[in-house]
Amino acid sequence: MIGPVMENTREQNAIDAYLAILKKNGVDEYNIAARETILDELGGILADQQLDGNGYRTVIETFVERKPADEWPFILSTAREFYHFWVEDIKVIAEKNKNKVYTKEDDGWMPEPMTMEKLTDTLKVEKFDNAELWPLKAYKQALKNAGAGDDLIAVRSKLAKITMLRLRNCPDKNHQTYRTVVDSTLPLFKIKNSRKLFLEVVREYYHFWCGHPEAENFVLQAA
């Protein structure tokens, strides 16, 4: 269902600007049309919202919950890119454009489809090598240093391990593949609070996974 028709609104202007930069960068018409369909519906919902990241996140969470799970990665990717156009953050848009974020020049890689039951069963028997365990150990130690108890550390490390397992066969270790894994795994959590916790953990764990020297500073900031 398409949202209200928008004329001369900030949302329509933002949509036009976003789609224009995709077209300029050579994104195919099918991809652009698919994103336009999402944003036309989303724009009607955003029309009454303040330009605020937390409010935007809440709208997106509610929006995707009404969609089939296999559509979530594409919707989340579109919404994430569109946000900076919606808030008119020209500096960020210019930087992302410079880094070819809006070109869609990727290999279309996705992690292997899995149910949460299969992921959980696999974790019980899966062995991780030292290279995989190093960021996890650093993450667990950072949680401990931040005052987290054993139960909290166990839950968060399990969610990090799920992310590690999904990242195992990624072609490149970069922000885009990490996002792809997060977006494709999120729908497996059927309870909203579980999805929220998963997002908190993957935002924290990312800094350890990519070797950020100040990764510990990002732990438990949302708690």
Protein backbone atom coordinates (compact mmCIF):
# COMPACT_ATOMS: atom_id res chain seq x y z
CA MET A 1 0.00 0.00 0.00
CA ILE A 2 1.41 3.35 -1.06
CA GLY A 3 1.34 6.17 1.50
CA PRO A 4 -0.26 9.59 1.00
CA VAL A 5 0.72 11.51 -2.11
CA MET A 6 3.32 14.12 -1.21
CA GLU A 7 3.60 17.44 -2.99
CA ASN A 8 6.42 19.89 -2.27
CA THR A 9 7.18 18.39 1.12
CA ARG A 10 10.54 17.81 2.74
CA GLU A 11 9.98 14.07 2.29
CA GLN A 12 9.35 14.31 -1.46
CA ASN A 13 12.31 16.62 -1.88
CA ALA A 14 14.50 14.18 0.04
CA ILE A 15 13.23 11.23 -2.02
CA ASP A 16 13.87 13.09 -5.27
CA ALA A 17 17.41 13.98 -4.17
CA TYR A 18 18.19 10.41 -3.09
CA LEU A 19 16.86 8.82 -6.26
CA ALA A 20 18.65 11.41 -8.40
CA ILE A 21 22.03 10.59 -6.89
CA LEU A 22 21.39 6.86 -7.40
CA LYS A 23 20.53 7.49 -11.04
CA LYS A 24 23.57 9.73 -11.51
CA ASN A 25 25.77 6.97 -10.14
CA GLY A 26 24.44 4.41 -12.59
CA VAL A 27 22.10 2.40 -10.38
CA ASP A 28 19.71 0.40 -12.57
CA GLU A 29 16.10 1.48 -13.07
CA TYR A 30 14.67 -1.62 -11.38
CA ASN A 31 16.65 -0.94 -8.19
CA ILE A 32 15.64 2.73 -8.22
CA ALA A 33 11.97 1.88 -8.77
CA ALA A 34 12.02 -0.62 -5.91
CA ARG A 35 13.49 1.97 -3.55
CA GLU A 36 11.04 4.61 -4.73
CA THR A 37 8.12 2.31 -3.91
CA ILE A 38 9.43 1.86 -0.36
CA LEU A 39 10.12 5.56 0.14
CA ASP A 40 6.75 6.69 -1.22
CA GLU A 41 5.08 4.66 1.50
CA LEU A 42 7.60 5.58 4.15
CA GLY A 43 7.51 9.27 3.26
CA GLY A 44 3.84 9.53 4.14
CA ILE A 45 4.58 8.16 7.61
CA LEU A 46 7.56 10.46 8.14
CA ALA A 47 5.64 13.60 7.17
CA ASP A 48 4.59 14.35 10.75
CA GLN A 49 7.88 13.37 12.38
CA GLN A 50 10.54 15.68 13.77
CA LEU A 51 13.98 15.42 12.18
CA ASP A 52 15.33 13.15 14.87
CA GLY A 53 17.35 9.95 14.65
CA ASN A 54 15.53 8.16 17.47
CA GLY A 55 12.13 8.98 16.02
CA TYR A 56 13.27 7.86 12.57
CA ARG A 57 14.54 4.57 13.98
CA THR A 58 11.20 3.94 15.70
CA VAL A 59 9.31 4.61 12.48
CA ILE A 60 11.54 2.22 10.54
CA GLU A 61 11.19 -0.52 13.16
CA THR A 62 7.39 -0.26 13.01
CA PHE A 63 7.45 -0.07 9.21
CA VAL A 64 9.49 -3.24 8.65
CA GLU A 65 7.45 -5.23 11.16
CA ARG A 66 4.54 -5.01 8.71
CA LYS A 67 6.64 -6.39 5.86
CA PRO A 68 7.70 -9.94 4.94
CA ALA A 69 10.98 -10.92 6.60
CA ASP A 70 12.76 -11.47 3.27
CA GLU A 71 12.16 -7.79 2.39
CA TRP A 72 13.79 -6.44 5.57
CA PRO A 73 17.41 -6.26 4.31
CA PHE A 74 16.47 -4.19 1.26
CA ILE A 75 14.13 -1.92 3.25
CA LEU A 76 16.69 -1.37 6.02
CA SER A 77 19.43 -0.61 3.51
CA THR A 78 17.21 1.91 1.73
CA ALA A 79 16.06 3.54 4.96
CA ARG A 80 19.62 3.81 6.27
CA GLU A 81 20.82 5.58 3.12
CA PHE A 82 17.72 7.79 2.90
CA TYR A 83 18.05 9.11 6.46
CA HIS A 84 20.81 11.60 5.61
CA PHE A 85 18.73 13.00 2.76
CA TRP A 86 15.72 13.34 5.04
CA VAL A 87 17.68 15.36 7.62
CA GLU A 88 19.54 17.21 4.82
CA ASP A 89 22.97 16.25 6.13
CA ILE A 90 24.86 17.42 3.06
CA LYS A 91 28.28 16.77 4.58
CA VAL A 92 27.55 13.09 5.25
CA ILE A 93 25.90 12.65 1.85
CA ALA A 94 28.95 14.11 0.11
CA GLU A 95 31.30 11.84 2.07
CA LYS A 96 29.22 8.73 1.37
CA ASN A 97 28.98 9.63 -2.29
CA LYS A 98 32.76 10.06 -2.42
CA ASN A 99 33.12 6.58 -0.91
CA LYS A 100 30.73 5.15 -3.53
CA VAL A 101 28.04 4.18 -1.01
CA TYR A 102 25.31 5.09 -3.48
CA THR A 103 26.66 3.14 -6.47
CA LYS A 104 25.42 -0.35 -5.47
CA GLU A 105 28.65 -1.75 -6.87
CA ASP A 106 28.65 -4.89 -4.74
CA ASP A 107 28.64 -8.59 -5.48
CA GLY A 108 25.19 -9.18 -4.03
CA TRP A 109 26.62 -11.42 -1.31
CA MET A 110 24.22 -12.61 1.37
CA PRO A 111 24.84 -15.02 4.26
CA GLU A 112 23.36 -18.50 4.00
CA PRO A 113 19.63 -18.52 4.83
CA MET A 114 19.05 -19.90 8.32
CA THR A 115 16.33 -20.16 10.92
CA MET A 116 17.02 -19.10 14.49
CA GLU A 117 16.66 -22.75 15.55
CA LYS A 118 19.36 -23.82 13.10
CA LEU A 119 21.64 -20.95 14.19
CA THR A 120 21.23 -21.89 17.85
CA ASP A 121 21.88 -25.58 17.18
CA THR A 122 24.95 -24.75 15.08
CA LEU A 123 26.40 -22.55 17.84
CA LYS A 124 26.28 -25.49 20.26
CA VAL A 125 28.76 -27.48 18.19
CA GLU A 126 30.59 -24.86 16.14
CA LYS A 127 34.27 -24.21 16.75
CA PHE A 128 35.79 -20.79 16.15
CA ASP A 129 39.44 -20.23 15.31
CA ASN A 130 41.74 -17.82 17.14
CA ALA A 131 41.25 -15.04 14.61
CA GLU A 132 37.49 -15.21 15.14
CA LEU A 133 37.75 -15.49 18.92
CA TRP A 134 40.12 -12.56 19.43
CA PRO A 135 37.48 -9.81 18.97
CA LEU A 136 34.95 -11.81 21.01
CA LYS A 137 37.37 -12.15 23.93
CA ALA A 138 38.13 -8.43 23.77
CA TYR A 139 34.40 -7.66 23.72
CA LYS A 140 33.69 -9.87 26.74
CA GLN A 141 36.56 -8.30 28.67
CA ALA A 142 35.28 -4.82 27.83
CA LEU A 143 31.82 -5.78 29.11
CA LYS A 144 33.38 -7.05 32.32
CA ASN A 145 35.41 -3.86 32.71
CA ALA A 146 32.20 -1.86 32.28
CA GLY A 147 30.64 -3.68 35.23
CA ALA A 148 28.51 -6.22 33.37
CA GLY A 149 27.55 -9.36 35.26
CA ASP A 150 28.11 -12.91 34.06
CA ASP A 151 24.54 -13.36 32.79
CA LEU A 152 24.63 -10.16 30.73
CA ILE A 153 28.02 -11.10 29.28
CA ALA A 154 26.77 -14.58 28.38
CA VAL A 155 23.71 -13.23 26.53
CA ARG A 156 25.62 -10.56 24.66
CA SER A 157 28.47 -12.89 23.72
CA LYS A 158 25.96 -15.40 22.34
CA LEU A 159 24.48 -12.70 20.10
CA ALA A 160 27.99 -11.72 19.03
CA LYS A 161 28.69 -15.37 18.19
CA ILE A 162 25.59 -15.46 16.01
CA THR A 163 27.00 -12.49 14.14
CA MET A 164 30.42 -14.18 13.91
CA LEU A 165 28.86 -17.31 12.44
CA ARG A 166 26.94 -15.33 9.84
CA LEU A 167 30.08 -13.37 8.90
CA ARG A 168 32.19 -16.49 8.43
CA ASN A 169 31.93 -16.71 4.65
CA CYS A 170 31.75 -13.00 3.82
CA PRO A 171 33.92 -12.06 0.82
CA ASP A 172 35.32 -8.88 2.38
CA LYS A 173 35.72 -7.67 5.94
CA ASN A 174 34.09 -4.26 5.73
CA HIS A 175 31.20 -2.16 6.98
CA GLN A 176 28.93 -3.17 4.10
CA THR A 177 29.21 -6.92 4.64
CA TYR A 178 28.67 -6.42 8.38
CA ARG A 179 25.52 -4.42 7.65
CA THR A 180 24.34 -7.11 5.24
CA VAL A 181 24.71 -9.74 7.94
CA VAL A 182 22.88 -7.60 10.51
CA ASP A 183 20.01 -6.77 8.16
CA SER A 184 19.53 -10.40 7.10
CA THR A 185 19.72 -11.73 10.67
CA LEU A 186 17.44 -9.20 12.35
CA PRO A 187 14.17 -10.75 11.04
CA LEU A 188 15.07 -14.06 12.73
CA PHE A 189 14.34 -12.46 16.12
CA LYS A 190 10.56 -12.58 16.42
CA ILE A 191 10.31 -10.62 19.69
CA LYS A 192 10.79 -6.85 19.45
CA ASN A 193 12.91 -6.59 22.61
CA SER A 194 15.17 -9.35 21.29
CA ARG A 195 15.66 -7.42 18.06
CA LYS A 196 16.50 -4.30 20.04
CA LEU A 197 19.08 -6.16 22.12
CA PHE A 198 20.60 -7.74 19.02
CA LEU A 199 21.02 -4.31 17.44
CA GLU A 200 22.66 -2.98 20.60
CA VAL A 201 25.13 -5.86 20.60
CA VAL A 202 26.05 -5.71 16.91
CA ARG A 203 26.66 -1.95 17.19
CA GLU A 204 29.02 -2.61 20.09
CA TYR A 205 30.68 -5.69 18.64
CA TYR A 206 31.38 -4.07 15.27
CA HIS A 207 34.13 -1.94 16.79
CA PHE A 208 35.89 -5.05 18.11
CA TRP A 209 35.39 -6.99 14.88
CA CYS A 210 37.03 -4.25 12.81
CA GLY A 211 39.79 -3.66 15.38
CA HIS A 212 38.89 -0.14 16.47
CA PRO A 213 41.55 0.97 19.00
CA GLU A 214 38.91 2.56 21.25
CA ALA A 215 36.28 -0.18 20.89
CA GLU A 216 35.85 -0.47 24.65
CA ASN A 217 34.40 3.06 24.78
CA PHE A 218 31.35 1.93 22.80
CA VAL A 219 30.25 -0.80 25.24
CA LEU A 220 26.93 -0.55 27.13
CA GLN A 221 26.24 2.99 25.91
CA ALA A 222 22.59 2.11 25.25
CA ALA A 223 22.09 0.22 28.53
